[in-house]
């Protein structure tokens, strides 16, 4: 499969790369984009090759004259030209992608400044990958953690994200939401690996919805303390920030009502399995070892398990229990 280093000729010219790309791929969502098979075509589709989005960067620093207001500069060079010169391209967050706002959930786990114990690093990775599986979005592996490309209907402020221990209550900074006036390295960086796990972007209404989801997995978005960037001269609309802050109480009420927890059930006897109106989605009725009846849903993500979970099966299962319903996670 072609990569950024063999798309051109021996002199490094990219004149024939478009024709070559036509023959290797029809849908990039069917592959994992790693350091060995990244393509310029993929950078352009994922990164939004537009002058208000793309950015010239090197070692994470914008490559513009000192004192210039880089968040407002219209970069005339294409992603192809930026990658050819700097071997990486940048993407401005808080910018429009159609009618939606492009932002990034940046997760730092192993960075020395975080000082996270090894057991917590492992727990954060487990929680994050569980979120990605449940909500079916792709993500980027970085040197120190992960990045998720977000599309919001409403622009959010720049926010810090914390992890809170469920048993000690200790709160630790584990990343941020990058919005207006911030930037990230594109996946053209040699230190990034694209992991295909579904949709390229995680689409949400606003940061309030994101905060409600992440709270279930012990991540907290600090809506009251937006992170600023010393290179940014842009002002975020104060009304937008106040609107988000005013919804914090509503978030807490939602989380108390809909908080999820995992439960283990041993010796479950599957009584029946019924298809619902959704594709590859089933309601499974069971009796536990104390003969108490219950049910859980087996959703489309676990469609490969539907043939294993059948009436009269006796098994041990791990379920996720919400406010009203239970959902299958795995057998053990």
C-alpha atoms as a PDB file:
ATOM      1  CA  UNK A   1       0.000   0.000   0.000  1.00  0.00           C
ATOM      2  CA  UNK A   2       1.419   3.442  -0.862  1.00  0.00           C
ATOM      3  CA  UNK A   3       2.556   5.835   1.789  1.00  0.00           C
ATOM      4  CA  UNK A   4       3.683   9.437   1.909  1.00  0.00           C
ATOM      5  CA  UNK A   5       7.229   8.478   0.974  1.00  0.00           C
ATOM      6  CA  UNK A   6       6.501   6.556  -2.231  1.00  0.00           C
ATOM      7  CA  UNK A   7       3.652   8.499  -3.815  1.00  0.00           C
ATOM      8  CA  UNK A   8       5.991  10.629  -5.920  1.00  0.00           C
ATOM      9  CA  UNK A   9       8.930  10.009  -8.205  1.00  0.00           C
ATOM     10  CA  UNK A  10      12.601   9.725  -7.264  1.00  0.00           C
ATOM     11  CA  UNK A  11      12.878  13.520  -6.976  1.00  0.00           C
ATOM     12  CA  UNK A  12      10.000  13.659  -4.483  1.00  0.00           C
ATOM     13  CA  UNK A  13       7.446  15.106  -6.935  1.00  0.00           C
ATOM     14  CA  UNK A  14       3.808  14.335  -6.212  1.00  0.00           C
ATOM     15  CA  UNK A  15       2.407  14.956  -9.697  1.00  0.00           C
ATOM     16  CA  UNK A  16       1.187  11.372 -10.166  1.00  0.00           C
ATOM     17  CA  UNK A  17      -0.062  10.593  -6.676  1.00  0.00           C
ATOM     18  CA  UNK A  18      -3.774  11.092  -7.504  1.00  0.00           C
ATOM     19  CA  UNK A  19      -3.729   8.492 -10.251  1.00  0.00           C
ATOM     20  CA  UNK A  20      -1.856   6.030  -8.029  1.00  0.00           C
ATOM     21  CA  UNK A  21      -4.315   6.473  -5.183  1.00  0.00           C
ATOM     22  CA  UNK A  22      -7.290   5.623  -7.405  1.00  0.00           C
ATOM     23  CA  UNK A  23      -6.043   2.061  -7.666  1.00  0.00           C
ATOM     24  CA  UNK A  24      -5.363   1.226  -4.023  1.00  0.00           C
ATOM     25  CA  UNK A  25      -8.406   2.057  -1.956  1.00  0.00           C
ATOM     26  CA  UNK A  26     -12.147   2.772  -2.159  1.00  0.00           C
ATOM     27  CA  UNK A  27     -12.954   3.403   1.484  1.00  0.00           C
ATOM     28  CA  UNK A  28     -10.283   4.232   4.084  1.00  0.00           C
ATOM     29  CA  UNK A  29     -12.646   3.243   6.878  1.00  0.00           C
ATOM     30  CA  UNK A  30     -12.000  -0.414   6.035  1.00  0.00           C
ATOM     31  CA  UNK A  31      -8.332  -0.280   7.112  1.00  0.00           C
ATOM     32  CA  UNK A  32      -6.143   0.786   9.980  1.00  0.00           C
ATOM     33  CA  UNK A  33      -3.945   3.753   9.078  1.00  0.00           C
ATOM     34  CA  UNK A  34      -0.548   3.063  10.653  1.00  0.00           C
ATOM     35  CA  UNK A  35       2.898   4.502  10.137  1.00  0.00           C
ATOM     36  CA  UNK A  36       3.485   1.967   7.353  1.00  0.00           C
ATOM     37  CA  UNK A  37       0.436   2.723   5.221  1.00  0.00           C
ATOM     38  CA  UNK A  38      -0.625   6.330   5.804  1.00  0.00           C
ATOM     39  CA  UNK A  39      -1.751   7.987   2.593  1.00  0.00           C
ATOM     40  CA  UNK A  40      -1.886  11.595   1.511  1.00  0.00           C
ATOM     41  CA  UNK A  41      -5.407  10.981   0.271  1.00  0.00           C
ATOM     42  CA  UNK A  42      -6.460   9.963   3.767  1.00  0.00           C
ATOM     43  CA  UNK A  43      -4.900  13.080   5.315  1.00  0.00           C
ATOM     44  CA  UNK A  44      -6.877  15.250   2.934  1.00  0.00           C
ATOM     45  CA  UNK A  45     -10.205  13.555   3.609  1.00  0.00           C
ATOM     46  CA  UNK A  46      -9.797  13.365   7.373  1.00  0.00           C
ATOM     47  CA  UNK A  47      -8.085  16.714   7.872  1.00  0.00           C
ATOM     48  CA  UNK A  48     -10.328  18.906   5.784  1.00  0.00           C
ATOM     49  CA  UNK A  49      -7.877  20.313   3.241  1.00  0.00           C
ATOM     50  CA  UNK A  50      -9.085  23.915   3.517  1.00  0.00           C
ATOM     51  CA  UNK A  51      -7.115  27.117   4.086  1.00  0.00           C
ATOM     52  CA  UNK A  52      -9.007  27.941   7.289  1.00  0.00           C
ATOM     53  CA  UNK A  53      -8.287  24.504   8.807  1.00  0.00           C
ATOM     54  CA  UNK A  54      -4.866  23.306   7.683  1.00  0.00           C
ATOM     55  CA  UNK A  55      -1.787  24.661   9.410  1.00  0.00           C
ATOM     56  CA  UNK A  56       1.982  24.674   8.911  1.00  0.00           C
ATOM     57  CA  UNK A  57       3.598  23.176  12.019  1.00  0.00           C
ATOM     58  CA  UNK A  58       6.864  21.561  13.045  1.00  0.00           C
ATOM     59  CA  UNK A  59       7.416  19.833  16.388  1.00  0.00           C
ATOM     60  CA  UNK A  60       3.902  20.961  17.364  1.00  0.00           C
ATOM     61  CA  UNK A  61       4.732  24.643  16.807  1.00  0.00           C
ATOM     62  CA  UNK A  62       3.036  26.806  14.134  1.00  0.00           C
ATOM     63  CA  UNK A  63       5.541  27.887  11.472  1.00  0.00           C
ATOM     64  CA  UNK A  64       4.598  31.543  11.061  1.00  0.00           C
ATOM     65  CA  UNK A  65       6.425  34.830  11.753  1.00  0.00           C
ATOM     66  CA  UNK A  66       6.798  35.789  15.417  1.00  0.00           C
ATOM     67  CA  UNK A  67       3.856  37.826  16.626  1.00  0.00           C
ATOM     68  CA  UNK A  68       1.500  36.685  13.877  1.00  0.00           C
ATOM     69  CA  UNK A  69      -2.012  35.606  14.810  1.00  0.00           C
ATOM     70  CA  UNK A  70      -1.776  32.080  13.418  1.00  0.00           C
ATOM     71  CA  UNK A  71      -5.338  30.999  14.358  1.00  0.00           C
ATOM     72  CA  UNK A  72      -6.688  33.491  11.802  1.00  0.00           C
ATOM     73  CA  UNK A  73      -4.086  33.014   9.058  1.00  0.00           C
ATOM     74  CA  UNK A  74      -5.437  31.427   5.891  1.00  0.00           C
ATOM     75  CA  UNK A  75      -2.900  28.785   4.914  1.00  0.00           C
ATOM     76  CA  UNK A  76      -2.680  28.820   1.117  1.00  0.00           C
ATOM     77  CA  UNK A  77      -0.486  25.722   0.854  1.00  0.00           C
ATOM     78  CA  UNK A  78      -2.265  22.385   0.590  1.00  0.00           C
ATOM     79  CA  UNK A  79      -1.800  19.479   2.997  1.00  0.00           C
ATOM     80  CA  UNK A  80       0.315  17.862   0.275  1.00  0.00           C
ATOM     81  CA  UNK A  81       2.685  20.824   0.220  1.00  0.00           C
ATOM     82  CA  UNK A  82       2.851  21.070   4.026  1.00  0.00           C
ATOM     83  CA  UNK A  83       3.635  17.377   4.454  1.00  0.00           C
ATOM     84  CA  UNK A  84       6.263  17.554   1.726  1.00  0.00           C
ATOM     85  CA  UNK A  85       8.024  20.474   3.457  1.00  0.00           C
ATOM     86  CA  UNK A  86       7.533  19.728   7.171  1.00  0.00           C
ATOM     87  CA  UNK A  87       6.741  15.959   7.075  1.00  0.00           C
ATOM     88  CA  UNK A  88       3.592  16.742   9.059  1.00  0.00           C
ATOM     89  CA  UNK A  89       0.593  19.031   8.850  1.00  0.00           C
ATOM     90  CA  UNK A  90      -1.499  20.728  11.516  1.00  0.00           C
ATOM     91  CA  UNK A  91      -5.258  21.078  11.968  1.00  0.00           C
ATOM     92  CA  UNK A  92      -6.960  23.989  13.704  1.00  0.00           C
ATOM     93  CA  UNK A  93      -9.592  22.991  16.231  1.00  0.00           C
ATOM     94  CA  UNK A  94     -12.775  24.960  16.835  1.00  0.00           C
ATOM     95  CA  UNK A  95     -13.167  25.385  13.063  1.00  0.00           C
ATOM     96  CA  UNK A  96     -16.247  24.572  10.991  1.00  0.00           C
ATOM     97  CA  UNK A  97     -16.626  21.309   9.084  1.00  0.00           C
ATOM     98  CA  UNK A  98     -19.795  22.016   7.166  1.00  0.00           C
ATOM     99  CA  UNK A  99     -22.374  22.970   9.806  1.00  0.00           C
ATOM    100  CA  UNK A 100     -20.476  21.306  12.672  1.00  0.00           C
ATOM    101  CA  UNK A 101     -17.506  22.363  14.818  1.00  0.00           C
ATOM    102  CA  UNK A 102     -14.328  20.288  14.725  1.00  0.00           C
ATOM    103  CA  UNK A 103     -12.731  19.739  18.150  1.00  0.00           C
ATOM    104  CA  UNK A 104     -10.368  17.153  19.639  1.00  0.00           C
ATOM    105  CA  UNK A 105     -10.502  15.134  22.853  1.00  0.00           C
ATOM    106  CA  UNK A 106      -6.811  14.843  23.787  1.00  0.00           C
ATOM    107  CA  UNK A 107      -5.915  12.203  26.399  1.00  0.00           C
ATOM    108  CA  UNK A 108      -2.465  12.245  28.060  1.00  0.00           C
ATOM    109  CA  UNK A 109      -1.652   9.107  30.039  1.00  0.00           C
ATOM    110  CA  UNK A 110       2.111   8.547  30.085  1.00  0.00           C
ATOM    111  CA  UNK A 111       3.338  12.151  29.843  1.00  0.00           C
ATOM    112  CA  UNK A 112       5.765  12.866  32.701  1.00  0.00           C
ATOM    113  CA  UNK A 113       3.795  15.944  33.726  1.00  0.00           C
ATOM    114  CA  UNK A 114       0.765  13.768  34.475  1.00  0.00           C
ATOM    115  CA  UNK A 115       2.600  11.535  37.000  1.00  0.00           C
ATOM    116  CA  UNK A 116      -0.054   8.833  36.827  1.00  0.00           C
ATOM    117  CA  UNK A 117       0.654   5.516  38.595  1.00  0.00           C
ATOM    118  CA  UNK A 118       0.926   2.495  36.297  1.00  0.00           C
ATOM    119  CA  UNK A 119      -2.285   0.894  37.567  1.00  0.00           C
ATOM    120  CA  UNK A 120      -4.220   4.074  36.764  1.00  0.00           C
ATOM    121  CA  UNK A 121      -2.667   4.332  33.304  1.00  0.00           C
ATOM    122  CA  UNK A 122      -3.943   0.836  32.594  1.00  0.00           C
ATOM    123  CA  UNK A 123      -7.401   1.670  33.977  1.00  0.00           C
ATOM    124  CA  UNK A 124      -7.694   4.819  31.853  1.00  0.00           C
ATOM    125  CA  UNK A 125      -6.736   2.879  28.723  1.00  0.00           C
ATOM    126  CA  UNK A 126      -9.332   0.226  29.544  1.00  0.00           C
ATOM    127  CA  UNK A 127     -12.050   2.821  30.166  1.00  0.00           C
ATOM    128  CA  UNK A 128     -11.232   4.750  27.010  1.00  0.00           C
ATOM    129  CA  UNK A 129     -11.216   1.680  24.761  1.00  0.00           C
ATOM    130  CA  UNK A 130     -14.534   0.586  26.279  1.00  0.00           C
ATOM    131  CA  UNK A 131     -16.041   3.971  25.368  1.00  0.00           C
ATOM    132  CA  UNK A 132     -14.696   3.614  21.815  1.00  0.00           C
ATOM    133  CA  UNK A 133     -16.239   0.143  21.494  1.00  0.00           C
ATOM    134  CA  UNK A 134     -19.627   1.193  22.831  1.00  0.00           C
ATOM    135  CA  UNK A 135     -19.928   4.384  20.771  1.00  0.00           C
ATOM    136  CA  UNK A 136     -18.092   3.004  17.695  1.00  0.00           C
ATOM    137  CA  UNK A 137     -15.728   5.857  16.867  1.00  0.00           C
ATOM    138  CA  UNK A 138     -12.193   5.706  15.464  1.00  0.00           C
ATOM    139  CA  UNK A 139      -9.283   7.349  17.262  1.00  0.00           C
ATOM    140  CA  UNK A 140      -5.596   8.242  17.074  1.00  0.00           C
ATOM    141  CA  UNK A 141      -2.915   6.612  19.208  1.00  0.00           C
ATOM    142  CA  UNK A 142      -0.291   9.169  20.219  1.00  0.00           C
ATOM    143  CA  UNK A 143       3.008   8.961  22.071  1.00  0.00           C
ATOM    144  CA  UNK A 144       1.291   9.584  25.392  1.00  0.00           C
ATOM    145  CA  UNK A 145      -2.307   8.477  24.917  1.00  0.00           C
ATOM    146  CA  UNK A 146      -5.126   9.034  22.466  1.00  0.00           C
ATOM    147  CA  UNK A 147      -6.944  11.682  20.439  1.00  0.00           C
ATOM    148  CA  UNK A 148     -10.559  11.576  19.314  1.00  0.00           C
ATOM    149  CA  UNK A 149     -11.880  13.765  16.506  1.00  0.00           C
ATOM    150  CA  UNK A 150     -15.165  15.358  17.607  1.00  0.00           C
ATOM    151  CA  UNK A 151     -17.907  17.119  15.669  1.00  0.00           C
ATOM    152  CA  UNK A 152     -20.195  19.313  17.812  1.00  0.00           C
ATOM    153  CA  UNK A 153     -23.366  21.090  16.795  1.00  0.00           C
ATOM    154  CA  UNK A 154     -22.423  23.818  19.281  1.00  0.00           C
ATOM    155  CA  UNK A 155     -18.972  25.312  19.796  1.00  0.00           C
ATOM    156  CA  UNK A 156     -17.482  24.527  23.215  1.00  0.00           C
ATOM    157  CA  UNK A 157     -14.794  26.314  25.236  1.00  0.00           C
ATOM    158  CA  UNK A 158     -11.357  24.767  25.749  1.00  0.00           C
ATOM    159  CA  UNK A 159     -11.684  22.510  28.796  1.00  0.00           C
ATOM    160  CA  UNK A 160      -9.540  20.300  30.969  1.00  0.00           C
ATOM    161  CA  UNK A 161     -10.507  16.666  31.571  1.00  0.00           C
ATOM    162  CA  UNK A 162      -9.885  14.822  34.826  1.00  0.00           C
ATOM    163  CA  UNK A 163     -10.101  11.224  36.001  1.00  0.00           C
ATOM    164  CA  UNK A 164     -11.588  10.646  39.455  1.00  0.00           C
ATOM    165  CA  UNK A 165     -10.921   7.415  41.360  1.00  0.00           C
ATOM    166  CA  UNK A 166     -14.127   5.594  42.167  1.00  0.00           C
ATOM    167  CA  UNK A 167     -12.887   4.507  45.606  1.00  0.00           C
ATOM    168  CA  UNK A 168     -10.462   7.249  46.754  1.00  0.00           C
ATOM    169  CA  UNK A 169     -12.063  10.183  44.960  1.00  0.00           C
ATOM    170  CA  UNK A 170      -8.651  11.505  43.845  1.00  0.00           C
ATOM    171  CA  UNK A 171      -8.942  13.845  40.851  1.00  0.00           C
ATOM    172  CA  UNK A 172      -6.123  13.883  38.276  1.00  0.00           C
ATOM    173  CA  UNK A 173      -5.726  15.817  35.025  1.00  0.00           C
ATOM    174  CA  UNK A 174      -5.659  13.425  32.056  1.00  0.00           C
ATOM    175  CA  UNK A 175      -6.142  15.704  29.060  1.00  0.00           C
ATOM    176  CA  UNK A 176      -8.321  18.366  27.510  1.00  0.00           C
ATOM    177  CA  UNK A 177     -10.877  19.343  24.899  1.00  0.00           C
ATOM    178  CA  UNK A 178      -9.139  21.419  22.220  1.00  0.00           C
ATOM    179  CA  UNK A 179     -11.430  24.023  20.687  1.00  0.00           C
ATOM    180  CA  UNK A 180     -11.147  27.591  19.365  1.00  0.00           C
ATOM    181  CA  UNK A 181      -7.584  28.897  19.017  1.00  0.00           C
ATOM    182  CA  UNK A 182      -5.901  25.491  19.483  1.00  0.00           C
ATOM    183  CA  UNK A 183      -4.275  23.069  17.054  1.00  0.00           C
ATOM    184  CA  UNK A 184      -3.195  19.434  16.771  1.00  0.00           C
ATOM    185  CA  UNK A 185      -0.734  17.528  14.644  1.00  0.00           C
ATOM    186  CA  UNK A 186      -2.479  15.673  11.849  1.00  0.00           C
ATOM    187  CA  UNK A 187      -2.210  11.910  11.493  1.00  0.00           C
ATOM    188  CA  UNK A 188       0.629  12.541   9.039  1.00  0.00           C
ATOM    189  CA  UNK A 189       2.873  12.710  12.128  1.00  0.00           C
ATOM    190  CA  UNK A 190       5.236   9.742  12.441  1.00  0.00           C
ATOM    191  CA  UNK A 191       4.262   9.542  16.129  1.00  0.00           C
ATOM    192  CA  UNK A 192       0.565   8.940  15.459  1.00  0.00           C
ATOM    193  CA  UNK A 193      -1.351   5.806  14.541  1.00  0.00           C
ATOM    194  CA  UNK A 194      -4.918   5.866  13.246  1.00  0.00           C
ATOM    195  CA  UNK A 195      -7.132   3.093  14.670  1.00  0.00           C
ATOM    196  CA  UNK A 196     -10.224   2.327  12.628  1.00  0.00           C
ATOM    197  CA  UNK A 197     -13.071   1.497  14.986  1.00  0.00           C
ATOM    198  CA  UNK A 198     -16.147   2.843  13.182  1.00  0.00           C
ATOM    199  CA  UNK A 199     -16.958   6.473  12.403  1.00  0.00           C
ATOM    200  CA  UNK A 200     -14.013   8.756  11.718  1.00  0.00           C
ATOM    201  CA  UNK A 201     -15.603  11.465  13.889  1.00  0.00           C
ATOM    202  CA  UNK A 202     -17.608  11.184  17.122  1.00  0.00           C
ATOM    203  CA  UNK A 203     -20.649  13.390  16.492  1.00  0.00           C
ATOM    204  CA  UNK A 204     -22.392  14.983  19.494  1.00  0.00           C
ATOM    205  CA  UNK A 205     -24.754  17.863  20.141  1.00  0.00           C
ATOM    206  CA  UNK A 206     -22.480  19.732  22.552  1.00  0.00           C
ATOM    207  CA  UNK A 207     -19.961  19.355  25.340  1.00  0.00           C
ATOM    208  CA  UNK A 208     -22.777  18.855  27.840  1.00  0.00           C
ATOM    209  CA  UNK A 209     -23.710  15.604  26.127  1.00  0.00           C
ATOM    210  CA  UNK A 210     -20.059  14.529  26.031  1.00  0.00           C
ATOM    211  CA  UNK A 211     -19.600  15.298  29.745  1.00  0.00           C
ATOM    212  CA  UNK A 212     -22.646  13.182  30.627  1.00  0.00           C
ATOM    213  CA  UNK A 213     -21.221  10.200  28.722  1.00  0.00           C
ATOM    214  CA  UNK A 214     -17.667  10.476  30.059  1.00  0.00           C
ATOM    215  CA  UNK A 215     -18.877  10.802  33.653  1.00  0.00           C
ATOM    216  CA  UNK A 216     -20.088   7.207  33.495  1.00  0.00           C
ATOM    217  CA  UNK A 217     -16.484   6.121  32.916  1.00  0.00           C
ATOM    218  CA  UNK A 218     -14.928   8.308  35.659  1.00  0.00           C
ATOM    219  CA  UNK A 219     -13.857  11.145  33.337  1.00  0.00           C
ATOM    220  CA  UNK A 220     -14.884  14.662  34.359  1.00  0.00           C
ATOM    221  CA  UNK A 221     -14.894  17.709  32.111  1.00  0.00           C
ATOM    222  CA  UNK A 222     -14.146  20.884  34.028  1.00  0.00           C
ATOM    223  CA  UNK A 223     -16.664  23.201  32.402  1.00  0.00           C
ATOM    224  CA  UNK A 224     -15.679  26.095  34.628  1.00  0.00           C
ATOM    225  CA  UNK A 225     -11.994  26.254  33.687  1.00  0.00           C
ATOM    226  CA  UNK A 226     -11.257  26.550  30.002  1.00  0.00           C
ATOM    227  CA  UNK A 227      -7.621  26.124  28.995  1.00  0.00           C
ATOM    228  CA  UNK A 228      -6.139  29.061  27.108  1.00  0.00           C
ATOM    229  CA  UNK A 229      -3.363  29.157  24.559  1.00  0.00           C
ATOM    230  CA  UNK A 230      -0.643  31.805  24.739  1.00  0.00           C
ATOM    231  CA  UNK A 231      -0.492  31.909  20.924  1.00  0.00           C
ATOM    232  CA  UNK A 232      -4.209  32.605  20.555  1.00  0.00           C
ATOM    233  CA  UNK A 233      -5.632  36.106  20.327  1.00  0.00           C
ATOM    234  CA  UNK A 234      -9.178  34.904  19.736  1.00  0.00           C
ATOM    235  CA  UNK A 235     -11.980  35.494  22.236  1.00  0.00           C
ATOM    236  CA  UNK A 236     -14.564  32.800  22.811  1.00  0.00           C
ATOM    237  CA  UNK A 237     -18.117  34.038  22.963  1.00  0.00           C
ATOM    238  CA  UNK A 238     -18.829  34.586  26.663  1.00  0.00           C
ATOM    239  CA  UNK A 239     -22.481  33.667  26.231  1.00  0.00           C
ATOM    240  CA  UNK A 240     -21.485  30.232  24.936  1.00  0.00           C
ATOM    241  CA  UNK A 241     -19.297  29.593  27.985  1.00  0.00           C
ATOM    242  CA  UNK A 242     -21.988  30.821  30.391  1.00  0.00           C
ATOM    243  CA  UNK A 243     -24.536  28.569  28.705  1.00  0.00           C
ATOM    244  CA  UNK A 244     -22.329  25.516  29.223  1.00  0.00           C
ATOM    245  CA  UNK A 245     -21.604  26.447  32.841  1.00  0.00           C
ATOM    246  CA  UNK A 246     -25.288  26.955  33.587  1.00  0.00           C
ATOM    247  CA  UNK A 247     -25.978  23.399  32.458  1.00  0.00           C
ATOM    248  CA  UNK A 248     -23.566  21.790  34.941  1.00  0.00           C
ATOM    249  CA  UNK A 249     -26.296  21.196  37.515  1.00  0.00           C
ATOM    250  CA  UNK A 250     -28.462  19.578  34.853  1.00  0.00           C
ATOM    251  CA  UNK A 251     -25.563  17.263  33.921  1.00  0.00           C
ATOM    252  CA  UNK A 252     -25.210  16.115  37.528  1.00  0.00           C
ATOM    253  CA  UNK A 253     -28.918  15.344  37.714  1.00  0.00           C
ATOM    254  CA  UNK A 254     -28.731  13.309  34.510  1.00  0.00           C
ATOM    255  CA  UNK A 255     -25.689  11.396  35.721  1.00  0.00           C
ATOM    256  CA  UNK A 256     -27.294  10.508  39.042  1.00  0.00           C
ATOM    257  CA  UNK A 257     -30.280   9.178  37.159  1.00  0.00           C
ATOM    258  CA  UNK A 258     -28.494   7.338  34.357  1.00  0.00           C
ATOM    259  CA  UNK A 259     -25.158   6.295  35.902  1.00  0.00           C
ATOM    260  CA  UNK A 260     -23.870   2.938  34.637  1.00  0.00           C
ATOM    261  CA  UNK A 261     -22.202   0.182  36.617  1.00  0.00           C
ATOM    262  CA  UNK A 262     -20.992  -3.306  35.732  1.00  0.00           C
ATOM    263  CA  UNK A 263     -22.387  -6.416  37.419  1.00  0.00           C
ATOM    264  CA  UNK A 264     -21.344 -10.071  37.361  1.00  0.00           C
ATOM    265  CA  UNK A 265     -24.012 -12.760  37.200  1.00  0.00           C
ATOM    266  CA  UNK A 266     -22.981 -16.388  37.710  1.00  0.00           C
ATOM    267  CA  UNK A 267     -24.973 -19.452  36.751  1.00  0.00           C
ATOM    268  CA  UNK A 268     -27.442 -17.543  34.585  1.00  0.00           C
ATOM    269  CA  UNK A 269     -30.033 -19.647  32.796  1.00  0.00           C
ATOM    270  CA  UNK A 270     -31.048 -18.158  29.441  1.00  0.00           C
ATOM    271  CA  UNK A 271     -34.815 -18.605  29.049  1.00  0.00           C
ATOM    272  CA  UNK A 272     -35.493 -16.927  25.698  1.00  0.00           C
ATOM    273  CA  UNK A 273     -34.066 -14.546  23.108  1.00  0.00           C
ATOM    274  CA  UNK A 274     -36.243 -12.183  21.100  1.00  0.00           C
ATOM    275  CA  UNK A 275     -35.265  -9.918  18.188  1.00  0.00           C
ATOM    276  CA  UNK A 276     -36.200  -6.252  18.623  1.00  0.00           C
ATOM    277  CA  UNK A 277     -37.064  -3.743  15.894  1.00  0.00           C
ATOM    278  CA  UNK A 278     -33.413  -2.719  15.604  1.00  0.00           C
ATOM    279  CA  UNK A 279     -31.084  -4.711  13.338  1.00  0.00           C
ATOM    280  CA  UNK A 280     -29.001  -7.357  15.134  1.00  0.00           C
ATOM    281  CA  UNK A 281     -30.475  -6.302  18.478  1.00  0.00           C
ATOM    282  CA  UNK A 282     -31.992  -8.809  20.915  1.00  0.00           C
ATOM    283  CA  UNK A 283     -33.749  -8.931  24.255  1.00  0.00           C
ATOM    284  CA  UNK A 284     -32.514 -11.895  26.307  1.00  0.00           C
ATOM    285  CA  UNK A 285     -34.580 -13.158  29.262  1.00  0.00           C
ATOM    286  CA  UNK A 286     -32.892 -15.123  32.033  1.00  0.00           C
ATOM    287  CA  UNK A 287     -33.127 -16.609  35.523  1.00  0.00           C
ATOM    288  CA  UNK A 288     -30.215 -16.057  37.903  1.00  0.00           C
ATOM    289  CA  UNK A 289     -28.923 -18.736  40.259  1.00  0.00           C
ATOM    290  CA  UNK A 290     -31.473 -17.614  42.859  1.00  0.00           C
ATOM    291  CA  UNK A 291     -34.286 -18.010  40.303  1.00  0.00           C
ATOM    292  CA  UNK A 292     -34.867 -14.274  40.014  1.00  0.00           C
ATOM    293  CA  UNK A 293     -36.002 -13.301  36.521  1.00  0.00           C
ATOM    294  CA  UNK A 294     -34.510 -10.488  34.467  1.00  0.00           C
ATOM    295  CA  UNK A 295     -33.461  -9.469  30.979  1.00  0.00           C
ATOM    296  CA  UNK A 296     -30.681  -7.674  29.149  1.00  0.00           C
ATOM    297  CA  UNK A 297     -30.096  -6.373  25.641  1.00  0.00           C
ATOM    298  CA  UNK A 298     -27.560  -7.819  23.218  1.00  0.00           C
ATOM    299  CA  UNK A 299     -26.814  -4.973  20.801  1.00  0.00           C
ATOM    300  CA  UNK A 300     -25.452  -4.978  17.254  1.00  0.00           C
ATOM    301  CA  UNK A 301     -21.837  -4.448  18.367  1.00  0.00           C
ATOM    302  CA  UNK A 302     -21.857  -7.980  19.819  1.00  0.00           C
ATOM    303  CA  UNK A 303     -23.650  -9.549  16.847  1.00  0.00           C
ATOM    304  CA  UNK A 304     -20.870 -12.152  16.665  1.00  0.00           C
ATOM    305  CA  UNK A 305     -22.089 -13.453  20.049  1.00  0.00           C
ATOM    306  CA  UNK A 306     -25.743 -13.830  19.076  1.00  0.00           C
ATOM    307  CA  UNK A 307     -25.297 -17.476  18.034  1.00  0.00           C
ATOM    308  CA  UNK A 308     -23.589 -18.354  21.322  1.00  0.00           C
ATOM    309  CA  UNK A 309     -26.277 -16.910  23.584  1.00  0.00           C
ATOM    310  CA  UNK A 310     -29.241 -19.218  23.082  1.00  0.00           C
ATOM    311  CA  UNK A 311     -32.185 -20.495  25.193  1.00  0.00           C
ATOM    312  CA  UNK A 312     -31.269 -23.162  27.789  1.00  0.00           C
ATOM    313  CA  UNK A 313     -27.667 -21.919  28.002  1.00  0.00           C
ATOM    314  CA  UNK A 314     -26.224 -21.721  31.530  1.00  0.00           C
ATOM    315  CA  UNK A 315     -23.337 -19.263  31.699  1.00  0.00           C
ATOM    316  CA  UNK A 316     -21.573 -16.450  33.586  1.00  0.00           C
ATOM    317  CA  UNK A 317     -21.973 -12.951  32.148  1.00  0.00           C
ATOM    318  CA  UNK A 318     -20.734  -9.428  32.772  1.00  0.00           C
ATOM    319  CA  UNK A 319     -23.481  -6.859  32.196  1.00  0.00           C
ATOM    320  CA  UNK A 320     -23.603  -3.076  32.215  1.00  0.00           C
ATOM    321  CA  UNK A 321     -26.578  -1.820  34.221  1.00  0.00           C
ATOM    322  CA  UNK A 322     -28.075   1.603  33.618  1.00  0.00           C
ATOM    323  CA  UNK A 323     -31.076   3.442  35.032  1.00  0.00           C
ATOM    324  CA  UNK A 324     -33.628   1.193  33.312  1.00  0.00           C
ATOM    325  CA  UNK A 325     -31.846  -1.510  31.328  1.00  0.00           C
ATOM    326  CA  UNK A 326     -28.941  -3.941  31.320  1.00  0.00           C
ATOM    327  CA  UNK A 327     -26.620  -4.573  28.379  1.00  0.00           C
ATOM    328  CA  UNK A 328     -24.308  -7.457  27.518  1.00  0.00           C
ATOM    329  CA  UNK A 329     -20.560  -6.773  27.864  1.00  0.00           C
ATOM    330  CA  UNK A 330     -18.887 -10.198  27.804  1.00  0.00           C
ATOM    331  CA  UNK A 331     -18.917 -13.782  29.039  1.00  0.00           C
ATOM    332  CA  UNK A 332     -16.409 -14.929  31.627  1.00  0.00           C
END
